[in-house]
Amino acid sequence: MPLVSGRSVLVLFVAAVVLVSTSSPACHAAHNITAILSGRRDLAEFSRELTSTGLADDIDGRNTITVLAVDDAHMAALKARGLPRDTLRRVLSLHVLVDYYDEPKLRRLSGGSTEVSTLFQASGDAPGSAGMVEVAERRGGRVAFSPQDGGGGGAVFFVRSLHQAPYNISVLQVSGVMSSPAAEAPVSSPEDEPASGGLNFTDVMAKNGCGRFAGLVAATAGAAAAFEKHARDHDGGVTFFCPADKAVGAFEPAFKKLPAGDRLAVVLYHATLGHYSPQKLREDGGGDGMRMETLASLDGGKTTAGFAVRHAGDEVTLVSTTRNTARVTRTLADADHVAVYMIDEVLVPFRFTGQASSPPDDGGDGHHTSGSAPAWPRRGWVASALVFSTLLAGFASG
């Protein structure tokens, strides 16, 4: 067997390090909505109001965004109503989709429809589904954007594409301003906000279909304090995944039979350190998905494991260590350093004998219908060493 020279080893090691370090590049927004709109005189008022309300900065800070631009004639009618600045911001934030839609993607709807979150939804101020917009193809092939609290009214139509930079930013002109009772409702006074000045995530959960889980957080000793502490103190932010009321209702009989420490572990398992935007959740973490550690490993929970985040197109699925899965169904809030998502199942970090909603066994054969066990991707120097040793072995054997 031929020996490998020191120079060859060095070359292989450098190649391995480069391979690992470039396998998951960071995503950074690289657009300027004010510059994009600067050449359009008929959109001058829309551009000015994006800047004056602070929405321009929010748009530029996002990696993936679609702006529904409104011409000056329709903006004049909106301004004539004399809405307070904060209310105007909420109305305009309904015209910013937190996903990428260009004209080709709109044309692929083919008579179908989809719901998209907006910056109004992501702010945490939208009650229920009020911050969601339905994108649908109507009769004659026209594409409509309809706010979900408009009762079928308040829709606007796609006019033309103004700017496309897949899959970073798209600017589409629409036929007018979407009307939304929720967006136009009086804004809460400062004294109604949390004392910390941050997002009230339990309030967001309670108002958006996760009230039962918010109740578990409040009723489980240590859970609320842990959530609030990390949301307040962690510089990188916190992301919450709250199971919908239906899922929690099915799981509660088993949950109530657990000892206190296990109940705390289950609740804390639904939060992870780090602010994960909708786009970041869909970043490729390798064949086995991106791994997330949870608060259950930090605050006295039973488990030290995390869960895997996998995506197929726009659908994001979480896979627990016990192989039960939960699909991310809605973005409830994505503001500042806190993100809140609704999921359709309760995630459980350990096996136990419980009710029908307990994590199903894999039958001992290593297979399970709702998803295979997550094999965590290796990171850092461990991955470099693994790739290096594999390359070295192959070189030596050759």
Protein backbone atom coordinates (compact mmCIF):
# COMPACT_ATOMS: atom_id res chain seq x y z
CA MET A 1 0.00 0.00 0.00
CA PRO A 2 1.59 3.31 -1.03
CA LEU A 3 2.31 5.90 1.61
CA VAL A 4 0.64 9.30 1.51
CA SER A 5 3.04 12.24 1.48
CA GLY A 6 2.77 15.07 3.99
CA ARG A 7 1.91 17.47 1.18
CA SER A 8 -0.94 15.22 0.01
CA VAL A 9 -2.29 15.02 3.55
CA LEU A 10 -2.23 18.81 3.80
CA VAL A 11 -4.05 19.19 0.47
CA LEU A 12 -6.70 16.68 1.50
CA PHE A 13 -7.20 18.33 4.88
CA VAL A 14 -7.61 21.79 3.35
CA ALA A 15 -10.10 20.40 0.85
CA ALA A 16 -12.09 18.79 3.65
CA VAL A 17 -12.21 21.98 5.68
CA VAL A 18 -13.31 24.01 2.66
CA LEU A 19 -15.99 21.42 1.84
CA VAL A 20 -17.46 21.56 5.32
CA SER A 21 -17.18 25.33 5.76
CA THR A 22 -18.98 26.00 2.47
CA SER A 23 -21.66 23.32 2.78
CA SER A 24 -24.18 25.68 4.42
CA PRO A 25 -23.50 29.28 3.38
CA ALA A 26 -25.08 32.09 5.34
CA CYS A 27 -27.94 33.95 3.69
CA HIS A 28 -27.96 37.71 3.87
CA ALA A 29 -30.44 40.13 2.38
CA ALA A 30 -28.93 42.10 -0.48
CA HIS A 31 -31.70 44.40 -1.64
CA ASN A 32 -32.83 47.99 -1.16
CA ILE A 33 -36.54 48.52 -1.68
CA THR A 34 -36.16 52.32 -1.83
CA ALA A 35 -33.60 52.02 -4.64
CA ILE A 36 -35.78 49.50 -6.47
CA LEU A 37 -38.76 51.87 -6.42
CA SER A 38 -36.75 55.05 -7.05
CA GLY A 39 -37.27 55.03 -10.82
CA ARG A 40 -41.05 54.69 -10.59
CA ARG A 41 -42.68 58.11 -10.23
CA ASP A 42 -46.15 56.56 -9.99
CA LEU A 43 -45.01 54.70 -6.86
CA ALA A 44 -43.32 57.63 -5.13
CA GLU A 45 -45.89 57.93 -2.33
CA PHE A 46 -45.80 54.19 -1.63
CA SER A 47 -42.01 54.34 -1.38
CA ARG A 48 -42.13 57.37 0.94
CA GLU A 49 -44.57 55.67 3.30
CA LEU A 50 -42.51 52.48 3.44
CA THR A 51 -39.63 54.64 4.63
CA SER A 52 -41.59 56.83 7.05
CA THR A 53 -43.29 53.85 8.75
CA GLY A 54 -40.02 51.91 9.06
CA LEU A 55 -41.22 49.11 6.79
CA ALA A 56 -38.42 49.75 4.29
CA ASP A 57 -35.86 48.66 6.90
CA ASP A 58 -37.91 45.55 7.72
CA ILE A 59 -38.11 44.65 4.02
CA ASP A 60 -34.38 45.19 3.47
CA GLY A 61 -33.61 43.01 6.49
CA ARG A 62 -35.41 39.98 5.05
CA ASN A 63 -33.77 37.39 2.83
CA THR A 64 -36.98 36.44 1.02
CA ILE A 65 -39.80 38.91 0.48
CA THR A 66 -42.52 39.98 -1.95
CA VAL A 67 -43.73 43.59 -1.99
CA LEU A 68 -47.18 44.39 -3.39
CA ALA A 69 -46.71 47.97 -4.58
CA VAL A 70 -49.63 50.43 -4.83
CA ASP A 71 -49.66 53.41 -7.20
CA ASP A 72 -49.97 57.03 -6.07
CA ALA A 73 -53.65 57.38 -6.97
CA HIS A 74 -54.69 54.61 -4.58
CA MET A 75 -52.17 55.71 -1.94
CA ALA A 76 -53.74 59.20 -2.04
CA ALA A 77 -57.13 57.72 -1.17
CA LEU A 78 -55.53 55.78 1.72
CA LYS A 79 -53.72 58.87 3.04
CA ALA A 80 -56.91 60.93 2.82
CA ARG A 81 -58.42 58.73 5.53
CA GLY A 82 -56.03 60.24 8.07
CA LEU A 83 -55.00 56.94 9.66
CA PRO A 84 -52.53 57.16 12.56
CA ARG A 85 -48.94 56.33 11.62
CA ASP A 86 -48.95 52.97 13.43
CA THR A 87 -52.21 51.97 11.76
CA LEU A 88 -50.87 52.97 8.35
CA ARG A 89 -47.84 50.80 9.00
CA ARG A 90 -50.06 47.80 9.73
CA VAL A 91 -52.10 48.34 6.56
CA LEU A 92 -48.97 48.57 4.43
CA SER A 93 -47.37 45.58 6.19
CA LEU A 94 -50.29 43.51 4.88
CA HIS A 95 -48.86 44.24 1.41
CA VAL A 96 -45.51 42.60 2.20
CA LEU A 97 -45.47 38.80 1.85
CA VAL A 98 -42.81 36.89 3.75
CA ASP A 99 -42.21 34.55 0.82
CA TYR A 100 -41.13 34.88 -2.80
CA TYR A 101 -43.77 35.24 -5.53
CA ASP A 102 -42.88 36.35 -9.04
CA GLU A 103 -45.06 36.28 -12.15
CA PRO A 104 -44.07 32.71 -13.21
CA LYS A 105 -44.94 31.41 -9.75
CA LEU A 106 -48.31 33.20 -9.84
CA ARG A 107 -49.07 31.65 -13.21
CA ARG A 108 -48.37 28.18 -11.83
CA LEU A 109 -51.38 28.48 -9.49
CA SER A 110 -53.49 27.13 -12.40
CA GLY A 111 -56.84 27.82 -10.81
CA GLY A 112 -55.61 26.95 -7.32
CA SER A 113 -54.83 29.07 -4.28
CA THR A 114 -52.42 29.33 -1.39
CA GLU A 115 -52.18 31.27 1.88
CA VAL A 116 -49.12 33.41 2.58
CA SER A 117 -47.98 35.14 5.77
CA THR A 118 -47.35 38.87 5.70
CA LEU A 119 -45.30 41.28 7.80
CA PHE A 120 -48.56 42.10 9.60
CA GLN A 121 -48.85 38.45 10.64
CA ALA A 122 -45.15 38.28 11.48
CA SER A 123 -45.44 41.30 13.78
CA GLY A 124 -47.62 39.30 16.18
CA ASP A 125 -50.32 42.01 16.08
CA ALA A 126 -52.67 40.16 13.70
CA PRO A 127 -55.44 38.22 15.47
CA GLY A 128 -56.12 34.73 14.14
CA SER A 129 -55.53 34.47 10.41
CA ALA A 130 -56.05 38.21 9.81
CA GLY A 131 -52.43 38.67 8.79
CA MET A 132 -52.63 35.96 6.13
CA VAL A 133 -53.28 36.72 2.46
CA GLU A 134 -54.83 34.26 0.04
CA VAL A 135 -53.25 34.22 -3.40
CA ALA A 136 -55.68 32.72 -5.92
CA GLU A 137 -56.31 32.58 -9.63
CA ARG A 138 -59.75 33.92 -10.46
CA ARG A 139 -61.93 33.70 -13.56
CA GLY A 140 -60.14 34.85 -16.68
CA GLY A 141 -56.73 34.02 -15.23
CA ARG A 142 -56.53 37.10 -13.01
CA VAL A 143 -54.53 36.60 -9.82
CA ALA A 144 -56.12 38.02 -6.67
CA PHE A 145 -54.62 38.83 -3.26
CA SER A 146 -57.24 38.67 -0.49
CA PRO A 147 -56.76 39.41 3.24
CA GLN A 148 -58.19 36.61 5.34
CA ASP A 149 -60.25 38.88 7.59
CA GLY A 150 -62.01 40.61 4.69
CA GLY A 151 -64.86 38.13 4.35
CA GLY A 152 -64.08 37.76 0.66
CA GLY A 153 -63.85 41.55 0.16
CA GLY A 154 -60.86 43.82 0.06
CA ALA A 155 -59.11 41.83 -2.67
CA VAL A 156 -56.68 43.42 -5.12
CA PHE A 157 -55.37 42.03 -8.40
CA PHE A 158 -51.94 41.51 -9.89
CA VAL A 159 -51.14 44.18 -12.47
CA ARG A 160 -47.53 43.61 -13.48
CA SER A 161 -44.11 42.56 -12.26
CA LEU A 162 -41.76 45.45 -11.46
CA HIS A 163 -38.67 43.68 -10.12
CA GLN A 164 -37.51 40.07 -9.70
CA ALA A 165 -34.40 38.71 -7.99
CA PRO A 166 -35.09 35.00 -7.35
CA TYR A 167 -35.49 34.02 -4.58
CA ASN A 168 -34.53 37.16 -2.78
CA ILE A 169 -37.06 39.88 -3.54
CA SER A 170 -39.98 40.37 -5.90
CA VAL A 171 -41.93 43.60 -6.38
CA LEU A 172 -45.39 43.24 -7.93
CA GLN A 173 -47.78 46.08 -8.68
CA VAL A 174 -51.37 45.47 -7.54
CA SER A 175 -54.61 47.20 -8.41
CA GLY A 176 -55.20 48.95 -5.09
CA VAL A 177 -54.97 48.84 -1.30
CA MET A 178 -56.23 45.73 0.49
CA SER A 179 -58.81 46.56 3.13
CA SER A 180 -58.50 44.78 6.45
CA PRO A 181 -60.56 45.51 9.58
CA ALA A 182 -57.86 43.95 11.76
CA ALA A 183 -55.05 46.02 10.26
CA GLU A 184 -57.13 49.20 10.51
CA ALA A 185 -58.23 48.58 14.10
CA PRO A 186 -56.92 50.98 16.78
CA VAL A 187 -53.38 50.14 17.83
CA SER A 188 -52.88 49.11 21.46
CA SER A 189 -51.56 51.80 23.75
CA PRO A 190 -48.02 51.45 25.16
CA GLU A 191 -49.33 50.48 28.58
CA ASP A 192 -50.92 47.39 27.02
CA GLU A 193 -47.53 46.14 25.83
CA PRO A 194 -45.28 43.80 27.87
CA ALA A 195 -43.14 45.59 30.44
CA SER A 196 -40.01 44.35 28.66
CA GLY A 197 -41.10 46.07 25.45
CA GLY A 198 -40.76 42.75 23.60
CA LEU A 199 -43.22 40.49 21.82
CA ASN A 200 -45.78 38.87 24.13
CA PHE A 201 -45.40 35.38 22.68
CA THR A 202 -47.96 33.71 24.96
CA ASP A 203 -50.51 36.33 23.92
CA VAL A 204 -49.67 35.61 20.26
CA MET A 205 -50.20 31.90 20.89
CA ALA A 206 -53.49 32.42 22.72
CA LYS A 207 -54.96 34.68 20.02
CA ASN A 208 -53.90 32.51 17.08
CA GLY A 209 -55.14 28.98 17.72
CA CYS A 210 -52.55 27.84 20.29
CA GLY A 211 -54.46 28.82 23.43
CA ARG A 212 -54.27 25.31 24.89
CA PHE A 213 -50.49 25.24 24.58
CA ALA A 214 -50.27 28.72 26.11
CA GLY A 215 -52.29 27.26 28.98
CA LEU A 216 -49.78 24.40 29.36
CA VAL A 217 -46.95 26.94 29.49
CA ALA A 218 -48.72 28.85 32.25
CA ALA A 219 -49.70 25.72 34.21
CA THR A 220 -46.34 23.88 34.02
CA ALA A 221 -44.01 24.89 36.83
CA GLY A 222 -40.89 26.57 35.49
CA ALA A 223 -41.98 26.72 31.84
CA ALA A 224 -43.17 30.34 31.59
CA ALA A 225 -40.15 31.62 33.53
CA ALA A 226 -37.75 29.71 31.26
CA PHE A 227 -39.45 30.97 28.10
CA GLU A 228 -39.45 34.58 29.30
CA LYS A 229 -35.84 34.43 30.53
CA HIS A 230 -34.43 33.20 27.24
CA ALA A 231 -36.64 35.48 25.13
CA ARG A 232 -35.37 38.42 27.19
CA ASP A 233 -31.71 37.52 27.69
CA HIS A 234 -30.54 35.53 24.67
CA ASP A 235 -28.97 37.84 22.09
CA GLY A 236 -29.64 35.43 19.23
CA GLY A 237 -33.37 35.31 19.94
CA VAL A 238 -35.78 32.43 20.55
CA THR A 239 -38.10 30.46 18.28
CA PHE A 240 -41.31 28.84 19.57
CA PHE A 241 -43.27 26.02 17.92
CA CYS A 242 -46.74 25.91 19.45
CA PRO A 243 -49.02 22.92 18.72
CA ALA A 244 -52.53 23.82 17.54
CA ASP A 245 -55.42 23.49 20.00
CA LYS A 246 -56.66 20.27 18.37
CA ALA A 247 -53.28 18.57 18.78
CA VAL A 248 -52.91 19.66 22.41
CA GLY A 249 -56.47 18.56 23.20
CA ALA A 250 -55.71 15.04 21.96
CA PHE A 251 -52.44 14.91 23.89
CA GLU A 252 -53.57 16.38 27.23
CA PRO A 253 -54.87 13.13 28.81
CA ALA A 254 -51.41 11.57 28.40
CA PHE A 255 -49.66 14.81 29.40
CA LYS A 256 -51.53 15.01 32.70
CA LYS A 257 -50.30 11.52 33.69
CA LEU A 258 -46.64 12.50 33.36
CA PRO A 259 -44.55 13.47 36.40
CA ALA A 260 -43.76 17.17 36.77
CA GLY A 261 -40.25 16.93 35.34
CA ASP A 262 -41.48 15.17 32.21
CA ARG A 263 -44.27 17.70 31.69
CA LEU A 264 -41.68 20.50 31.86
CA ALA A 265 -39.48 18.67 29.34
CA VAL A 266 -42.36 18.33 26.86
CA VAL A 267 -43.25 22.03 27.06
CA LEU A 268 -39.65 23.27 26.85
CA TYR A 269 -39.04 20.93 23.90
CA HIS A 270 -41.13 23.33 21.79
CA ALA A 271 -38.66 26.22 21.99
CA THR A 272 -35.15 26.62 20.66
CA LEU A 273 -32.48 29.26 21.09
CA GLY A 274 -31.96 31.37 18.00
CA HIS A 275 -34.32 33.42 15.85
CA TYR A 276 -35.35 31.33 12.83
CA SER A 277 -37.19 33.23 10.12
CA PRO A 278 -39.45 31.33 7.69
CA GLN A 279 -36.67 31.41 5.11
CA LYS A 280 -34.05 30.17 7.58
CA LEU A 281 -36.27 27.20 8.49
CA ARG A 282 -36.07 26.14 4.85
CA GLU A 283 -32.30 26.32 4.66
CA ASP A 284 -30.69 23.04 3.64
CA GLY A 285 -29.06 21.32 6.59
CA GLY A 286 -28.01 18.25 4.63
CA GLY A 287 -29.83 15.02 3.83
CA ASP A 288 -31.02 14.57 7.40
CA GLY A 289 -32.16 18.15 7.89
CA MET A 290 -31.03 20.94 10.18
CA ARG A 291 -30.65 20.12 13.85
CA MET A 292 -32.06 22.35 16.58
CA GLU A 293 -31.30 22.10 20.27
CA THR A 294 -34.20 22.92 22.56
CA LEU A 295 -34.74 24.62 25.90
CA ALA A 296 -35.47 21.18 27.38
CA SER A 297 -31.72 20.56 27.52
CA LEU A 298 -31.06 23.87 29.30
CA ASP A 299 -33.72 24.26 31.97
CA GLY A 300 -34.04 21.05 33.92
CA GLY A 301 -35.87 19.04 31.29
CA LYS A 302 -35.48 15.30 30.97
CA THR A 303 -33.97 15.29 27.48
CA THR A 304 -30.69 16.62 26.14
CA ALA A 305 -31.63 15.99 22.52
CA GLY A 306 -33.03 18.32 19.91
CA PHE A 307 -35.07 17.71 16.81
CA ALA A 308 -34.49 17.76 13.07
CA VAL A 309 -35.96 20.36 10.72
CA ARG A 310 -36.65 19.08 7.22
CA HIS A 311 -38.25 20.80 4.27
CA ALA A 312 -39.71 19.82 0.92
CA GLY A 313 -40.47 22.91 -1.13
CA ASP A 314 -42.38 25.29 1.12
CA GLU A 315 -43.39 22.60 3.65
CA VAL A 316 -41.34 22.39 6.85
CA THR A 317 -41.50 19.33 9.14
CA LEU A 318 -40.00 18.81 12.59
CA VAL A 319 -38.85 15.30 13.52
CA SER A 320 -38.41 14.55 17.23
CA THR A 321 -35.96 12.08 18.77
CA THR A 322 -38.90 9.69 19.23
CA ARG A 323 -39.69 9.85 15.51
CA ASN A 324 -42.99 11.68 15.78
CA THR A 325 -43.36 14.50 13.30
CA ALA A 326 -45.05 17.90 13.30
CA ARG A 327 -45.69 20.09 10.27
CA VAL A 328 -45.28 23.86 10.46
CA THR A 329 -48.66 25.17 9.32
CA ARG A 330 -48.50 28.92 9.99
CA THR A 331 -46.19 31.75 10.93
CA LEU A 332 -47.78 33.46 13.92
CA ALA A 333 -45.04 36.01 14.56
CA ASP A 334 -41.60 36.85 13.27
CA ALA A 335 -40.61 40.09 14.93
CA ASP A 336 -37.37 41.36 16.43
CA HIS A 337 -35.62 38.32 17.95
CA VAL A 338 -38.69 36.14 18.50
CA ALA A 339 -40.45 33.87 16.02
CA VAL A 340 -43.61 31.85 16.76
CA TYR A 341 -44.89 29.07 14.51
CA MET A 342 -47.96 26.84 14.70
CA ILE A 343 -47.41 23.09 14.27
CA ASP A 344 -50.02 20.35 13.84
CA GLU A 345 -48.74 17.84 16.44
CA VAL A 346 -47.20 17.80 19.92
CA LEU A 347 -43.50 16.89 19.86
CA VAL A 348 -42.32 14.47 22.54
CA PRO A 349 -38.62 14.00 23.38
CA PHE A 350 -38.88 10.61 25.12
CA ARG A 351 -40.92 7.42 24.91
CA PHE A 352 -43.56 6.63 27.47
CA THR A 353 -46.74 4.61 27.86
CA GLY A 354 -49.63 6.97 27.32
CA GLN A 355 -52.73 7.58 25.27
CA ALA A 356 -53.20 7.26 21.53
CA SER A 357 -51.35 10.48 20.93
CA SER A 358 -48.15 9.10 22.48
CA PRO A 359 -45.20 8.81 20.08
CA PRO A 360 -45.75 5.56 18.13
CA ASP A 361 -43.17 2.79 18.38
CA ASP A 362 -41.22 1.81 15.31
CA GLY A 363 -41.87 -1.89 15.90
CA GLY A 364 -38.20 -2.54 16.41
CA ASP A 365 -37.42 -2.61 12.70
CA GLY A 366 -36.12 0.93 12.47
CA HIS A 367 -38.97 2.16 10.28
CA HIS A 368 -41.92 4.40 10.97
CA THR A 369 -44.64 5.70 8.70
CA SER A 370 -44.48 9.30 9.90
CA GLY A 371 -40.76 9.74 9.38
CA SER A 372 -37.50 7.99 10.12
CA ALA A 373 -35.37 8.85 13.10
CA PRO A 374 -33.29 11.96 12.55
CA ALA A 375 -29.63 11.22 12.03
CA TRP A 376 -28.02 14.42 13.20
CA PRO A 377 -25.62 16.08 10.76
CA ARG A 378 -22.09 16.36 12.07
CA ARG A 379 -20.65 19.84 12.42
CA GLY A 380 -17.39 21.72 12.91
CA TRP A 381 -14.08 19.91 13.30
CA VAL A 382 -15.80 16.55 13.76
CA ALA A 383 -17.17 16.80 10.24
CA SER A 384 -13.80 17.96 8.92
CA ALA A 385 -12.08 15.00 10.57
CA LEU A 386 -14.67 12.58 9.16
CA VAL A 387 -14.35 13.90 5.60
CA PHE A 388 -10.56 14.02 5.91
CA SER A 389 -10.31 10.43 7.13
CA THR A 390 -12.59 9.20 4.34
CA LEU A 391 -10.57 11.00 1.67
CA LEU A 392 -7.32 9.80 3.19
CA ALA A 393 -8.51 6.20 3.24
CA GLY A 394 -9.61 6.38 -0.35
CA PHE A 395 -6.35 7.96 -1.46
CA ALA A 396 -4.27 5.41 0.40
CA SER A 397 -6.24 2.44 -0.93
CA GLY A 398 -5.80 3.78 -4.48
